[in-house]
Amino acid sequence: MADNVNHPAHYKSASGLEAIDVIDAFTEDLVGAEAVCTSQVLKYTLRWKHKNGLEDLKKAEWYLNRLIKKLERRNSNEEVCAGE
C-alpha cells in the first residue's frame, strides 16, 4: 500500500532515494531564506516529472529567481559597506 503521507511516490527516485534526504543534505549549512528557497528549488525540480509538470518547474524558477535577487541585494549592500 502506498504511503502518501510519509513516502509519496513523487518524492522518491527509482532507487528509493527520497527528496527529503537530498534536500537535508544540500541545505544543512544554510539558514533563513537561503535554506527555504534552495529547499523549494530542489523539491520542485525533483518532483516535476511525476507530479505537476511545467507548473512545478515554474515554481522552482520562482524560488530560484527570489534567491538570486536576495543574493544580488546582499552583494550590492556588502559592496556599499566595504566602500565606506
N, C-alpha and C. Protein backbone atom coordinates (compact mmCIF):
# COMPACT_ATOMS: atom_id res chain seq x y z
N MET A 1 0.85 -1.19 0.00
CA MET A 1 0.00 0.00 0.00
C MET A 1 0.89 1.25 0.00
N ALA A 2 0.55 2.21 -0.81
CA ALA A 2 1.30 3.46 -0.92
C ALA A 2 1.12 4.29 0.35
N ASP A 3 2.21 4.93 0.77
CA ASP A 3 2.17 5.82 1.94
C ASP A 3 2.36 7.25 1.46
N ASN A 4 1.26 7.88 1.09
CA ASN A 4 1.32 9.23 0.51
C ASN A 4 1.62 10.32 1.51
N VAL A 5 1.62 10.01 2.79
CA VAL A 5 1.95 10.99 3.82
C VAL A 5 3.45 10.96 4.11
N ASN A 6 3.99 9.81 4.38
CA ASN A 6 5.39 9.69 4.80
C ASN A 6 6.36 9.44 3.65
N HIS A 7 5.92 8.79 2.60
CA HIS A 7 6.81 8.44 1.49
C HIS A 7 6.07 8.52 0.15
N PRO A 8 5.63 9.73 -0.24
CA PRO A 8 4.91 9.84 -1.51
C PRO A 8 5.80 9.46 -2.70
N ALA A 9 5.22 8.78 -3.65
CA ALA A 9 5.97 8.29 -4.80
C ALA A 9 6.64 9.41 -5.60
N HIS A 10 6.01 10.58 -5.68
CA HIS A 10 6.58 11.68 -6.48
C HIS A 10 7.80 12.32 -5.82
N TYR A 11 8.13 11.89 -4.60
CA TYR A 11 9.34 12.37 -3.91
C TYR A 11 10.38 11.27 -3.76
N LYS A 12 10.23 10.18 -4.49
CA LYS A 12 11.15 9.05 -4.36
C LYS A 12 11.68 8.66 -5.73
N SER A 13 13.01 8.43 -5.80
CA SER A 13 13.61 8.01 -7.06
C SER A 13 13.38 6.52 -7.27
N ALA A 14 13.70 6.05 -8.45
CA ALA A 14 13.55 4.62 -8.76
C ALA A 14 14.42 3.76 -7.84
N SER A 15 15.54 4.32 -7.38
CA SER A 15 16.43 3.57 -6.49
C SER A 15 16.01 3.66 -5.03
N GLY A 16 14.97 4.45 -4.74
CA GLY A 16 14.49 4.57 -3.36
C GLY A 16 14.97 5.81 -2.63
N LEU A 17 15.83 6.60 -3.25
CA LEU A 17 16.31 7.84 -2.64
C LEU A 17 15.15 8.83 -2.54
N GLU A 18 14.99 9.42 -1.36
CA GLU A 18 13.87 10.34 -1.16
C GLU A 18 14.34 11.80 -1.23
N ALA A 19 13.48 12.62 -1.79
CA ALA A 19 13.79 14.05 -1.96
C ALA A 19 14.16 14.71 -0.64
N ILE A 20 13.49 14.36 0.43
CA ILE A 20 13.75 14.99 1.73
C ILE A 20 15.20 14.76 2.17
N ASP A 21 15.74 13.59 1.84
CA ASP A 21 17.12 13.29 2.21
C ASP A 21 18.10 14.12 1.38
N VAL A 22 17.79 14.29 0.11
CA VAL A 22 18.61 15.14 -0.77
C VAL A 22 18.56 16.58 -0.27
N ILE A 23 17.37 17.07 0.02
CA ILE A 23 17.19 18.44 0.50
C ILE A 23 17.94 18.66 1.80
N ASP A 24 17.80 17.73 2.74
CA ASP A 24 18.52 17.84 4.02
C ASP A 24 20.03 17.93 3.80
N ALA A 25 20.55 17.06 2.94
CA ALA A 25 22.00 17.02 2.70
C ALA A 25 22.53 18.31 2.09
N PHE A 26 21.76 18.91 1.20
CA PHE A 26 22.25 20.08 0.48
C PHE A 26 21.89 21.41 1.13
N THR A 27 21.12 21.39 2.20
CA THR A 27 20.76 22.64 2.86
C THR A 27 21.19 22.70 4.32
N GLU A 28 21.93 21.70 4.78
CA GLU A 28 22.28 21.64 6.20
C GLU A 28 23.10 22.84 6.67
N ASP A 29 23.82 23.49 5.78
CA ASP A 29 24.64 24.64 6.17
C ASP A 29 23.98 25.98 5.81
N LEU A 30 22.73 25.95 5.39
CA LEU A 30 22.02 27.17 5.02
C LEU A 30 21.03 27.56 6.11
N VAL A 31 20.71 28.85 6.16
CA VAL A 31 19.71 29.33 7.12
C VAL A 31 18.77 30.31 6.43
N GLY A 32 17.64 30.54 7.05
CA GLY A 32 16.70 31.55 6.59
C GLY A 32 16.26 31.36 5.16
N ALA A 33 16.17 32.48 4.44
CA ALA A 33 15.68 32.47 3.06
C ALA A 33 16.53 31.59 2.15
N GLU A 34 17.83 31.52 2.40
CA GLU A 34 18.68 30.66 1.58
C GLU A 34 18.25 29.20 1.70
N ALA A 35 17.98 28.77 2.91
CA ALA A 35 17.55 27.38 3.14
C ALA A 35 16.18 27.13 2.52
N VAL A 36 15.26 28.06 2.74
CA VAL A 36 13.89 27.89 2.23
C VAL A 36 13.88 27.86 0.71
N CYS A 37 14.49 28.85 0.09
CA CYS A 37 14.46 28.93 -1.37
C CYS A 37 15.18 27.75 -2.01
N THR A 38 16.34 27.38 -1.48
CA THR A 38 17.08 26.25 -2.02
C THR A 38 16.27 24.96 -1.88
N SER A 39 15.65 24.79 -0.73
CA SER A 39 14.81 23.60 -0.50
C SER A 39 13.68 23.53 -1.50
N GLN A 40 13.03 24.65 -1.75
CA GLN A 40 11.90 24.66 -2.68
C GLN A 40 12.35 24.40 -4.11
N VAL A 41 13.48 24.97 -4.50
CA VAL A 41 14.01 24.73 -5.84
C VAL A 41 14.28 23.23 -6.02
N LEU A 42 14.92 22.63 -5.03
CA LEU A 42 15.20 21.20 -5.11
C LEU A 42 13.91 20.38 -5.15
N LYS A 43 12.98 20.69 -4.26
CA LYS A 43 11.73 19.95 -4.19
C LYS A 43 11.00 19.95 -5.52
N TYR A 44 10.77 21.14 -6.07
CA TYR A 44 10.01 21.22 -7.31
C TYR A 44 10.77 20.63 -8.49
N THR A 45 12.09 20.76 -8.51
CA THR A 45 12.89 20.20 -9.59
C THR A 45 12.89 18.68 -9.53
N LEU A 46 12.96 18.14 -8.33
CA LEU A 46 12.99 16.68 -8.18
C LEU A 46 11.66 16.02 -8.54
N ARG A 47 10.56 16.69 -8.29
CA ARG A 47 9.26 16.03 -8.47
C ARG A 47 8.53 16.38 -9.76
N TRP A 48 9.01 17.35 -10.53
CA TRP A 48 8.22 17.90 -11.63
C TRP A 48 7.68 16.85 -12.59
N LYS A 49 8.49 15.88 -12.92
CA LYS A 49 8.09 14.89 -13.93
C LYS A 49 6.99 13.96 -13.42
N HIS A 50 6.87 13.82 -12.10
CA HIS A 50 5.93 12.86 -11.53
C HIS A 50 4.74 13.50 -10.84
N LYS A 51 4.67 14.84 -10.85
CA LYS A 51 3.54 15.47 -10.18
C LYS A 51 2.88 16.53 -11.07
N ASN A 52 3.41 17.74 -11.11
CA ASN A 52 2.70 18.83 -11.77
C ASN A 52 3.39 19.37 -13.03
N GLY A 53 4.37 18.67 -13.54
CA GLY A 53 5.00 19.04 -14.80
C GLY A 53 5.52 20.47 -14.84
N LEU A 54 5.17 21.17 -15.89
CA LEU A 54 5.65 22.53 -16.12
C LEU A 54 5.35 23.46 -14.95
N GLU A 55 4.21 23.28 -14.31
CA GLU A 55 3.88 24.12 -13.15
C GLU A 55 4.95 24.02 -12.05
N ASP A 56 5.42 22.81 -11.79
CA ASP A 56 6.47 22.65 -10.78
C ASP A 56 7.78 23.30 -11.22
N LEU A 57 8.11 23.21 -12.51
CA LEU A 57 9.32 23.88 -12.99
C LEU A 57 9.22 25.39 -12.86
N LYS A 58 8.03 25.92 -13.09
CA LYS A 58 7.83 27.37 -12.92
C LYS A 58 7.93 27.76 -11.46
N LYS A 59 7.46 26.92 -10.56
CA LYS A 59 7.61 27.19 -9.12
C LYS A 59 9.07 27.17 -8.74
N ALA A 60 9.81 26.19 -9.24
CA ALA A 60 11.25 26.13 -8.97
C ALA A 60 11.94 27.39 -9.47
N GLU A 61 11.57 27.83 -10.65
CA GLU A 61 12.14 29.05 -11.24
C GLU A 61 11.82 30.26 -10.35
N TRP A 62 10.59 30.33 -9.84
CA TRP A 62 10.19 31.46 -8.99
C TRP A 62 11.07 31.52 -7.74
N TYR A 63 11.28 30.39 -7.09
CA TYR A 63 12.12 30.37 -5.89
C TYR A 63 13.58 30.64 -6.22
N LEU A 64 14.06 30.14 -7.35
CA LEU A 64 15.43 30.41 -7.76
C LEU A 64 15.63 31.89 -8.04
N ASN A 65 14.70 32.52 -8.74
CA ASN A 65 14.80 33.96 -9.00
C ASN A 65 14.76 34.76 -7.71
N ARG A 66 13.93 34.33 -6.77
CA ARG A 66 13.86 35.02 -5.47
C ARG A 66 15.21 34.93 -4.74
N LEU A 67 15.81 33.75 -4.75
CA LEU A 67 17.11 33.57 -4.11
C LEU A 67 18.18 34.41 -4.79
N ILE A 68 18.18 34.43 -6.11
CA ILE A 68 19.16 35.23 -6.85
C ILE A 68 19.02 36.71 -6.49
N LYS A 69 17.80 37.21 -6.45
CA LYS A 69 17.58 38.63 -6.11
C LYS A 69 18.07 38.94 -4.70
N LYS A 70 17.80 38.05 -3.75
CA LYS A 70 18.27 38.27 -2.38
C LYS A 70 19.79 38.30 -2.32
N LEU A 71 20.44 37.39 -3.03
CA LEU A 71 21.90 37.35 -3.03
C LEU A 71 22.49 38.57 -3.74
N GLU A 72 21.86 39.01 -4.82
CA GLU A 72 22.34 40.21 -5.52
C GLU A 72 22.22 41.44 -4.62
N ARG A 73 21.10 41.55 -3.90
CA ARG A 73 20.93 42.68 -2.97
C ARG A 73 21.97 42.63 -1.87
N ARG A 74 22.20 41.44 -1.32
CA ARG A 74 23.19 41.29 -0.26
C ARG A 74 24.57 41.67 -0.76
N ASN A 75 24.94 41.18 -1.94
CA ASN A 75 26.25 41.50 -2.50
C ASN A 75 26.37 42.99 -2.78
N SER A 76 25.31 43.61 -3.24
CA SER A 76 25.31 45.03 -3.51
C SER A 76 25.50 45.81 -2.22
N ASN A 77 24.82 45.40 -1.16
CA ASN A 77 24.94 46.07 0.15
C ASN A 77 26.33 45.89 0.73
N GLU A 78 26.93 44.72 0.53
CA GLU A 78 28.29 44.48 1.03
C GLU A 78 29.29 45.38 0.32
N GLU A 79 29.10 45.59 -0.98
CA GLU A 79 29.99 46.46 -1.73
C GLU A 79 29.88 47.90 -1.26
N VAL A 80 28.66 48.35 -0.98
CA VAL A 80 28.44 49.71 -0.48
C VAL A 80 29.11 49.87 0.87
N CYS A 81 28.92 48.91 1.76
CA CYS A 81 29.50 48.99 3.10
C CYS A 81 31.02 48.91 3.05
N ALA A 82 31.56 48.13 2.14
CA ALA A 82 33.02 47.99 2.04
C ALA A 82 33.66 49.30 1.59
N GLY A 83 32.93 50.10 0.83
CA GLY A 83 33.47 51.36 0.33
C GLY A 83 33.39 52.50 1.32
N GLU A 84 32.72 52.30 2.44
CA GLU A 84 32.56 53.38 3.41
C GLU A 84 33.78 53.56 4.28
